[in-house]
All heavy atoms as atom14 arrays in JSON, in Angstrom:
{
  "sequence": "ALRLAIEHPELVRSITLIEPVYFAAAKQDDPDAMAEY",
  "atom14_mask": [
    [1, 1, 1, 1, 1, 0, 0, 0, 0, 0, 0, 0, 0, 0],
    [1, 1, 1, 1, 1, 1, 1, 1, 0, 0, 0, 0, 0, 0],
    [1, 1, 1, 1, 1, 1, 1, 1, 1, 1, 1, 0, 0, 0],
    [1, 1, 1, 1, 1, 1, 1, 1, 0, 0, 0, 0, 0, 0],
    [1, 1, 1, 1, 1, 0, 0, 0, 0, 0, 0, 0, 0, 0],
    [1, 1, 1, 1, 1, 1, 1, 1, 0, 0, 0, 0, 0, 0],
    [1, 1, 1, 1, 1, 1, 1, 1, 1, 0, 0, 0, 0, 0],
    [1, 1, 1, 1, 1, 1, 1, 1, 1, 1, 0, 0, 0, 0],
    [1, 1, 1, 1, 1, 1, 1, 0, 0, 0, 0, 0, 0, 0],
    [1, 1, 1, 1, 1, 1, 1, 1, 1, 0, 0, 0, 0, 0],
    [1, 1, 1, 1, 1, 1, 1, 1, 0, 0, 0, 0, 0, 0],
    [1, 1, 1, 1, 1, 1, 1, 0, 0, 0, 0, 0, 0, 0],
    [1, 1, 1, 1, 1, 1, 1, 1, 1, 1, 1, 0, 0, 0],
    [1, 1, 1, 1, 1, 1, 0, 0, 0, 0, 0, 0, 0, 0],
    [1, 1, 1, 1, 1, 1, 1, 1, 0, 0, 0, 0, 0, 0],
    [1, 1, 1, 1, 1, 1, 1, 0, 0, 0, 0, 0, 0, 0],
    [1, 1, 1, 1, 1, 1, 1, 1, 0, 0, 0, 0, 0, 0],
    [1, 1, 1, 1, 1, 1, 1, 1, 0, 0, 0, 0, 0, 0],
    [1, 1, 1, 1, 1, 1, 1, 1, 1, 0, 0, 0, 0, 0],
    [1, 1, 1, 1, 1, 1, 1, 0, 0, 0, 0, 0, 0, 0],
    [1, 1, 1, 1, 1, 1, 1, 0, 0, 0, 0, 0, 0, 0],
    [1, 1, 1, 1, 1, 1, 1, 1, 1, 1, 1, 1, 0, 0],
    [1, 1, 1, 1, 1, 1, 1, 1, 1, 1, 1, 0, 0, 0],
    [1, 1, 1, 1, 1, 0, 0, 0, 0, 0, 0, 0, 0, 0],
    [1, 1, 1, 1, 1, 0, 0, 0, 0, 0, 0, 0, 0, 0],
    [1, 1, 1, 1, 1, 0, 0, 0, 0, 0, 0, 0, 0, 0],
    [1, 1, 1, 1, 1, 1, 1, 1, 1, 0, 0, 0, 0, 0],
    [1, 1, 1, 1, 1, 1, 1, 1, 1, 0, 0, 0, 0, 0],
    [1, 1, 1, 1, 1, 1, 1, 1, 0, 0, 0, 0, 0, 0],
    [1, 1, 1, 1, 1, 1, 1, 1, 0, 0, 0, 0, 0, 0],
    [1, 1, 1, 1, 1, 1, 1, 0, 0, 0, 0, 0, 0, 0],
    [1, 1, 1, 1, 1, 1, 1, 1, 0, 0, 0, 0, 0, 0],
    [1, 1, 1, 1, 1, 0, 0, 0, 0, 0, 0, 0, 0, 0],
    [1, 1, 1, 1, 1, 1, 1, 1, 0, 0, 0, 0, 0, 0],
    [1, 1, 1, 1, 1, 0, 0, 0, 0, 0, 0, 0, 0, 0],
    [1, 1, 1, 1, 1, 1, 1, 1, 1, 0, 0, 0, 0, 0],
    [1, 1, 1, 1, 1, 1, 1, 1, 1, 1, 1, 1, 0, 0]
  ],
  "atom14_positions": [
    [[2.3, -3.28, 7.41], [3.37, -2.28, 7.37], [2.81, -0.88, 7.57], [3.4, -0.06, 8.3], [4.11, -2.38, 6.03], [0.0, 0.0, 0.0], [0.0, 0.0, 0.0], [0.0, 0.0, 0.0], [0.0, 0.0, 0.0], [0.0, 0.0, 0.0], [0.0, 0.0, 0.0], [0.0, 0.0, 0.0], [0.0, 0.0, 0.0], [0.0, 0.0, 0.0]],
    [[1.7, -0.58, 6.92], [1.07, 0.73, 7.09], [0.68, 0.96, 8.54], [0.92, 2.04, 9.1], [-0.17, 0.82, 6.2], [-1.05, 2.06, 6.36], [-0.29, 3.31, 5.94], [-2.34, 1.91, 5.55], [0.0, 0.0, 0.0], [0.0, 0.0, 0.0], [0.0, 0.0, 0.0], [0.0, 0.0, 0.0], [0.0, 0.0, 0.0], [0.0, 0.0, 0.0]],
    [[0.1, -0.04, 9.16], [-0.32, 0.1, 10.56], [0.87, 0.35, 11.47], [0.81, 1.2, 12.37], [-1.09, -1.15, 10.98], [-1.64, -1.09, 12.4], [-2.51, -2.29, 12.68], [-2.98, -2.27, 14.06], [-3.79, -3.2, 14.57], [-4.24, -4.19, 13.82], [-4.16, -3.13, 15.84], [0.0, 0.0, 0.0], [0.0, 0.0, 0.0], [0.0, 0.0, 0.0]],
    [[1.96, -0.36, 11.24], [3.16, -0.15, 12.05], [3.7, 1.27, 11.87], [4.15, 1.9, 12.84], [4.24, -1.17, 11.69], [3.98, -2.6, 12.14], [4.98, -3.54, 11.49], [4.05, -2.72, 13.66], [0.0, 0.0, 0.0], [0.0, 0.0, 0.0], [0.0, 0.0, 0.0], [0.0, 0.0, 0.0], [0.0, 0.0, 0.0], [0.0, 0.0, 0.0]],
    [[3.65, 1.76, 10.64], [4.15, 3.12, 10.37], [3.33, 4.17, 11.1], [3.87, 5.2, 11.53], [4.14, 3.38, 8.87], [0.0, 0.0, 0.0], [0.0, 0.0, 0.0], [0.0, 0.0, 0.0], [0.0, 0.0, 0.0], [0.0, 0.0, 0.0], [0.0, 0.0, 0.0], [0.0, 0.0, 0.0], [0.0, 0.0, 0.0], [0.0, 0.0, 0.0]],
    [[2.04, 3.91, 11.27], [1.18, 4.86, 11.96], [1.26, 4.69, 13.47], [1.34, 5.68, 14.21], [-0.28, 4.69, 11.47], [-0.4, 5.13, 10.01], [-1.25, 5.47, 12.35], [-1.75, 4.84, 9.37], [0.0, 0.0, 0.0], [0.0, 0.0, 0.0], [0.0, 0.0, 0.0], [0.0, 0.0, 0.0], [0.0, 0.0, 0.0], [0.0, 0.0, 0.0]],
    [[1.27, 3.47, 13.94], [1.25, 3.22, 15.38], [2.62, 3.27, 16.03], [2.74, 3.57, 17.23], [0.59, 1.86, 15.65], [-0.88, 1.81, 15.27], [-1.55, 0.5, 15.59], [-0.82, -0.51, 15.85], [-2.79, 0.45, 15.6], [0.0, 0.0, 0.0], [0.0, 0.0, 0.0], [0.0, 0.0, 0.0], [0.0, 0.0, 0.0], [0.0, 0.0, 0.0]],
    [[3.68, 2.99, 15.25], [5.05, 2.97, 15.8], [6.02, 3.66, 14.83], [7.01, 3.06, 14.39], [5.5, 1.53, 16.06], [4.63, 0.78, 17.0], [4.73, 0.91, 18.37], [3.61, -0.09, 16.77], [3.83, 0.14, 18.95], [3.13, -0.47, 18.01], [0.0, 0.0, 0.0], [0.0, 0.0, 0.0], [0.0, 0.0, 0.0], [0.0, 0.0, 0.0]],
    [[5.78, 4.92, 14.51], [6.62, 5.6, 13.52], [8.09, 5.69, 13.91], [8.96, 5.77, 13.02], [5.98, 6.98, 13.41], [5.24, 7.18, 14.7], [4.75, 5.81, 15.07], [0.0, 0.0, 0.0], [0.0, 0.0, 0.0], [0.0, 0.0, 0.0], [0.0, 0.0, 0.0], [0.0, 0.0, 0.0], [0.0, 0.0, 0.0], [0.0, 0.0, 0.0]],
    [[8.38, 5.66, 15.19], [9.77, 5.77, 15.64], [10.59, 4.55, 15.25], [11.84, 4.6, 15.27], [9.81, 5.96, 17.16], [9.46, 4.74, 18.0], [7.97, 4.44, 18.1], [7.16, 5.2, 17.51], [7.62, 3.45, 18.76], [0.0, 0.0, 0.0], [0.0, 0.0, 0.0], [0.0, 0.0, 0.0], [0.0, 0.0, 0.0], [0.0, 0.0, 0.0]],
    [[9.93, 3.46, 14.86], [10.64, 2.23, 14.5], [10.75, 2.03, 12.99], [11.35, 1.05, 12.53], [9.91, 1.01, 15.08], [9.72, 0.99, 16.6], [8.95, -0.26, 17.01], [11.08, 1.05, 17.3], [0.0, 0.0, 0.0], [0.0, 0.0, 0.0], [0.0, 0.0, 0.0], [0.0, 0.0, 0.0], [0.0, 0.0, 0.0], [0.0, 0.0, 0.0]],
    [[10.2, 2.96, 12.22], [10.09, 2.76, 10.77], [10.82, 3.88, 10.03], [10.49, 5.06, 10.2], [8.61, 2.71, 10.35], [8.5, 2.49, 8.84], [7.87, 1.61, 11.11], [0.0, 0.0, 0.0], [0.0, 0.0, 0.0], [0.0, 0.0, 0.0], [0.0, 0.0, 0.0], [0.0, 0.0, 0.0], [0.0, 0.0, 0.0], [0.0, 0.0, 0.0]],
    [[11.78, 3.51, 9.19], [12.54, 4.48, 8.41], [11.8, 4.82, 7.11], [11.8, 5.97, 6.67], [13.93, 3.93, 8.1], [14.8, 4.87, 7.3], [16.25, 4.41, 7.29], [16.37, 3.0, 7.02], [17.12, 2.16, 7.74], [17.8, 2.6, 8.79], [17.2, 0.88, 7.42], [0.0, 0.0, 0.0], [0.0, 0.0, 0.0], [0.0, 0.0, 0.0]],
    [[11.2, 3.84, 6.49], [10.43, 4.05, 5.27], [9.43, 2.91, 5.12], [9.59, 1.84, 5.74], [11.34, 4.11, 4.04], [11.82, 2.8, 3.71], [0.0, 0.0, 0.0], [0.0, 0.0, 0.0], [0.0, 0.0, 0.0], [0.0, 0.0, 0.0], [0.0, 0.0, 0.0], [0.0, 0.0, 0.0], [0.0, 0.0, 0.0], [0.0, 0.0, 0.0]],
    [[8.42, 3.12, 4.29], [7.48, 2.04, 3.99], [7.29, 1.93, 2.48], [7.12, 2.93, 1.79], [6.1, 2.24, 4.67], [5.56, 3.66, 4.46], [6.16, 1.89, 6.13], [4.13, 3.85, 4.94], [0.0, 0.0, 0.0], [0.0, 0.0, 0.0], [0.0, 0.0, 0.0], [0.0, 0.0, 0.0], [0.0, 0.0, 0.0], [0.0, 0.0, 0.0]],
    [[7.34, 0.7, 2.0], [6.97, 0.38, 0.62], [5.72, -0.47, 0.68], [5.75, -1.58, 1.23], [8.09, -0.36, -0.11], [9.24, 0.49, -0.22], [7.64, -0.79, -1.5], [0.0, 0.0, 0.0], [0.0, 0.0, 0.0], [0.0, 0.0, 0.0], [0.0, 0.0, 0.0], [0.0, 0.0, 0.0], [0.0, 0.0, 0.0], [0.0, 0.0, 0.0]],
    [[4.62, 0.05, 0.15], [3.32, -0.63, 0.21], [2.94, -1.07, -1.2], [2.65, -0.24, -2.05], [2.26, 0.32, 0.78], [2.59, 1.0, 2.12], [1.46, 1.94, 2.52], [2.86, -0.04, 3.2], [0.0, 0.0, 0.0], [0.0, 0.0, 0.0], [0.0, 0.0, 0.0], [0.0, 0.0, 0.0], [0.0, 0.0, 0.0], [0.0, 0.0, 0.0]],
    [[2.95, -2.37, -1.41], [2.61, -2.93, -2.72], [1.15, -3.39, -2.68], [0.82, -4.39, -2.06], [3.54, -4.1, -3.07], [5.02, -3.67, -2.96], [3.24, -4.62, -4.48], [6.0, -4.83, -3.05], [0.0, 0.0, 0.0], [0.0, 0.0, 0.0], [0.0, 0.0, 0.0], [0.0, 0.0, 0.0], [0.0, 0.0, 0.0], [0.0, 0.0, 0.0]],
    [[0.28, -2.59, -3.27], [-1.15, -2.87, -3.33], [-1.74, -3.3, -1.98], [-2.28, -4.4, -1.84], [-1.45, -3.9, -4.42], [-1.12, -3.4, -5.8], [-1.91, -4.06, -6.92], [-2.83, -4.84, -6.65], [-1.59, -3.77, -8.08], [0.0, 0.0, 0.0], [0.0, 0.0, 0.0], [0.0, 0.0, 0.0], [0.0, 0.0, 0.0], [0.0, 0.0, 0.0]],
    [[-1.65, -2.44, -0.98], [-2.28, -2.77, 0.32], [-3.79, -2.89, 0.15], [-4.42, -2.01, -0.44], [-1.91, -1.56, 1.19], [-1.64, -0.45, 0.23], [-1.06, -1.1, -0.99], [0.0, 0.0, 0.0], [0.0, 0.0, 0.0], [0.0, 0.0, 0.0], [0.0, 0.0, 0.0], [0.0, 0.0, 0.0], [0.0, 0.0, 0.0], [0.0, 0.0, 0.0]],
    [[-4.37, -3.94, 0.67], [-5.82, -4.18, 0.51], [-6.59, -3.55, 1.68], [-7.41, -4.19, 2.34], [-6.13, -5.68, 0.37], [-5.75, -6.16, -1.02], [-5.42, -6.51, 1.44], [0.0, 0.0, 0.0], [0.0, 0.0, 0.0], [0.0, 0.0, 0.0], [0.0, 0.0, 0.0], [0.0, 0.0, 0.0], [0.0, 0.0, 0.0], [0.0, 0.0, 0.0]],
    [[-6.35, -2.27, 1.86], [-6.99, -1.51, 2.95], [-8.29, -0.92, 2.39], [-8.41, 0.27, 2.13], [-6.03, -0.43, 3.42], [-6.42, 0.29, 4.68], [-7.19, -0.31, 5.67], [-6.0, 1.6, 4.89], [-7.54, 0.36, 6.83], [-6.33, 2.29, 6.04], [-7.09, 1.65, 7.0], [-7.43, 2.34, 8.15], [0.0, 0.0, 0.0], [0.0, 0.0, 0.0]],
    [[-9.28, -1.8, 2.22], [-10.54, -1.42, 1.59], [-11.25, -0.29, 2.34], [-11.98, 0.5, 1.73], [-11.46, -2.63, 1.5], [-10.9, -3.77, 0.71], [-10.49, -4.94, 1.34], [-10.76, -3.67, -0.66], [-9.97, -6.0, 0.62], [-10.24, -4.73, -1.4], [-9.83, -5.89, -0.76], [0.0, 0.0, 0.0], [0.0, 0.0, 0.0], [0.0, 0.0, 0.0]],
    [[-11.04, -0.21, 3.63], [-11.72, 0.81, 4.44], [-11.41, 2.22, 3.94], [-12.28, 3.09, 3.95], [-11.34, 0.67, 5.91], [0.0, 0.0, 0.0], [0.0, 0.0, 0.0], [0.0, 0.0, 0.0], [0.0, 0.0, 0.0], [0.0, 0.0, 0.0], [0.0, 0.0, 0.0], [0.0, 0.0, 0.0], [0.0, 0.0, 0.0], [0.0, 0.0, 0.0]],
    [[-10.18, 2.45, 3.5], [-9.8, 3.78, 3.01], [-10.53, 4.11, 1.72], [-11.07, 5.2, 1.54], [-8.29, 3.86, 2.81], [0.0, 0.0, 0.0], [0.0, 0.0, 0.0], [0.0, 0.0, 0.0], [0.0, 0.0, 0.0], [0.0, 0.0, 0.0], [0.0, 0.0, 0.0], [0.0, 0.0, 0.0], [0.0, 0.0, 0.0], [0.0, 0.0, 0.0]],
    [[-10.56, 3.16, 0.78], [-11.25, 3.39, -0.48], [-12.75, 3.5, -0.28], [-13.43, 4.25, -0.99], [-10.93, 2.28, -1.47], [0.0, 0.0, 0.0], [0.0, 0.0, 0.0], [0.0, 0.0, 0.0], [0.0, 0.0, 0.0], [0.0, 0.0, 0.0], [0.0, 0.0, 0.0], [0.0, 0.0, 0.0], [0.0, 0.0, 0.0], [0.0, 0.0, 0.0]],
    [[-13.28, 2.75, 0.68], [-14.71, 2.83, 0.97], [-15.09, 4.25, 1.38], [-16.15, 4.76, 1.02], [-15.07, 1.85, 2.09], [-16.55, 1.78, 2.41], [-16.81, 0.94, 3.64], [-16.36, -0.48, 3.48], [-16.73, -1.32, 4.66], [0.0, 0.0, 0.0], [0.0, 0.0, 0.0], [0.0, 0.0, 0.0], [0.0, 0.0, 0.0], [0.0, 0.0, 0.0]],
    [[-14.2, 4.9, 2.1], [-14.47, 6.26, 2.55], [-14.24, 7.29, 1.45], [-15.0, 8.26, 1.33], [-13.57, 6.57, 3.76], [-13.92, 7.85, 4.49], [-13.13, 7.98, 5.78], [-12.23, 8.81, 5.88], [-13.46, 7.17, 6.77], [0.0, 0.0, 0.0], [0.0, 0.0, 0.0], [0.0, 0.0, 0.0], [0.0, 0.0, 0.0], [0.0, 0.0, 0.0]],
    [[-13.22, 7.07, 0.61], [-12.82, 8.07, -0.38], [-13.4, 7.83, -1.77], [-13.54, 8.78, -2.55], [-11.29, 8.13, -0.49], [-10.64, 8.67, 0.77], [-11.37, 9.2, 1.62], [-9.41, 8.54, 0.9], [0.0, 0.0, 0.0], [0.0, 0.0, 0.0], [0.0, 0.0, 0.0], [0.0, 0.0, 0.0], [0.0, 0.0, 0.0], [0.0, 0.0, 0.0]],
    [[-13.68, 6.58, -2.12], [-14.16, 6.25, -3.46], [-15.22, 5.16, -3.35], [-15.01, 4.02, -3.77], [-12.99, 5.79, -4.34], [-13.35, 5.74, -5.81], [-14.55, 5.79, -6.14], [-12.42, 5.61, -6.64], [0.0, 0.0, 0.0], [0.0, 0.0, 0.0], [0.0, 0.0, 0.0], [0.0, 0.0, 0.0], [0.0, 0.0, 0.0], [0.0, 0.0, 0.0]],
    [[-16.39, 5.5, -2.81], [-17.42, 4.47, -2.6], [-17.91, 3.81, -3.88], [-18.31, 2.65, -3.85], [-18.55, 5.25, -1.9], [-18.27, 6.69, -2.18], [-16.8, 6.82, -2.32], [0.0, 0.0, 0.0], [0.0, 0.0, 0.0], [0.0, 0.0, 0.0], [0.0, 0.0, 0.0], [0.0, 0.0, 0.0], [0.0, 0.0, 0.0], [0.0, 0.0, 0.0]],
    [[-17.85, 4.52, -5.0], [-18.3, 3.92, -6.26], [-17.39, 2.76, -6.66], [-17.86, 1.7, -7.1], [-18.32, 4.96, -7.38], [-19.43, 5.97, -7.21], [-20.38, 5.68, -6.45], [-19.35, 7.06, -7.81], [0.0, 0.0, 0.0], [0.0, 0.0, 0.0], [0.0, 0.0, 0.0], [0.0, 0.0, 0.0], [0.0, 0.0, 0.0], [0.0, 0.0, 0.0]],
    [[-16.08, 2.94, -6.51], [-15.14, 1.88, -6.84], [-15.35, 0.67, -5.93], [-15.29, -0.48, -6.38], [-13.7, 2.37, -6.73], [0.0, 0.0, 0.0], [0.0, 0.0, 0.0], [0.0, 0.0, 0.0], [0.0, 0.0, 0.0], [0.0, 0.0, 0.0], [0.0, 0.0, 0.0], [0.0, 0.0, 0.0], [0.0, 0.0, 0.0], [0.0, 0.0, 0.0]],
    [[-15.62, 0.92, -4.67], [-15.82, -0.18, -3.74], [-17.17, -0.87, -3.98], [-17.29, -2.08, -3.79], [-15.72, 0.32, -2.3], [-14.3, 0.6, -1.86], [-13.16, -0.79, -2.18], [-13.96, -2.11, -1.28], [0.0, 0.0, 0.0], [0.0, 0.0, 0.0], [0.0, 0.0, 0.0], [0.0, 0.0, 0.0], [0.0, 0.0, 0.0], [0.0, 0.0, 0.0]],
    [[-18.18, -0.13, -4.39], [-19.47, -0.75, -4.71], [-19.31, -1.71, -5.88], [-19.86, -2.82, -5.88], [-20.5, 0.33, -5.02], [0.0, 0.0, 0.0], [0.0, 0.0, 0.0], [0.0, 0.0, 0.0], [0.0, 0.0, 0.0], [0.0, 0.0, 0.0], [0.0, 0.0, 0.0], [0.0, 0.0, 0.0], [0.0, 0.0, 0.0], [0.0, 0.0, 0.0]],
    [[-18.53, -1.31, -6.88], [-18.27, -2.18, -8.02], [-17.5, -3.42, -7.58], [-17.81, -4.55, -8.01], [-17.47, -1.42, -9.08], [-17.16, -2.24, -10.32], [-16.39, -1.44, -11.36], [-16.38, -0.2, -11.27], [-15.79, -2.09, -12.26], [0.0, 0.0, 0.0], [0.0, 0.0, 0.0], [0.0, 0.0, 0.0], [0.0, 0.0, 0.0], [0.0, 0.0, 0.0]],
    [[-16.52, -3.24, -6.72], [-15.75, -4.38, -6.23], [-16.65, -5.33, -5.43], [-16.55, -6.56, -5.57], [-14.58, -3.91, -5.36], [-13.89, -5.06, -4.66], [-13.1, -5.96, -5.37], [-14.06, -5.26, -3.29], [-12.49, -7.03, -4.74], [-13.45, -6.32, -2.65], [-12.66, -7.2, -3.37], [-12.07, -8.27, -2.76], [0.0, 0.0, 0.0], [0.0, 0.0, 0.0]]
  ]
}
């Protein structure tokens, strides 16, 4: 859903993201949390 919102925003009115497992974002922003995981 997140990817569609970014790549095709014209087709998306809203997004509800329930615990998206987009580890790449946390790896960049919170490496300590990802190291523990």
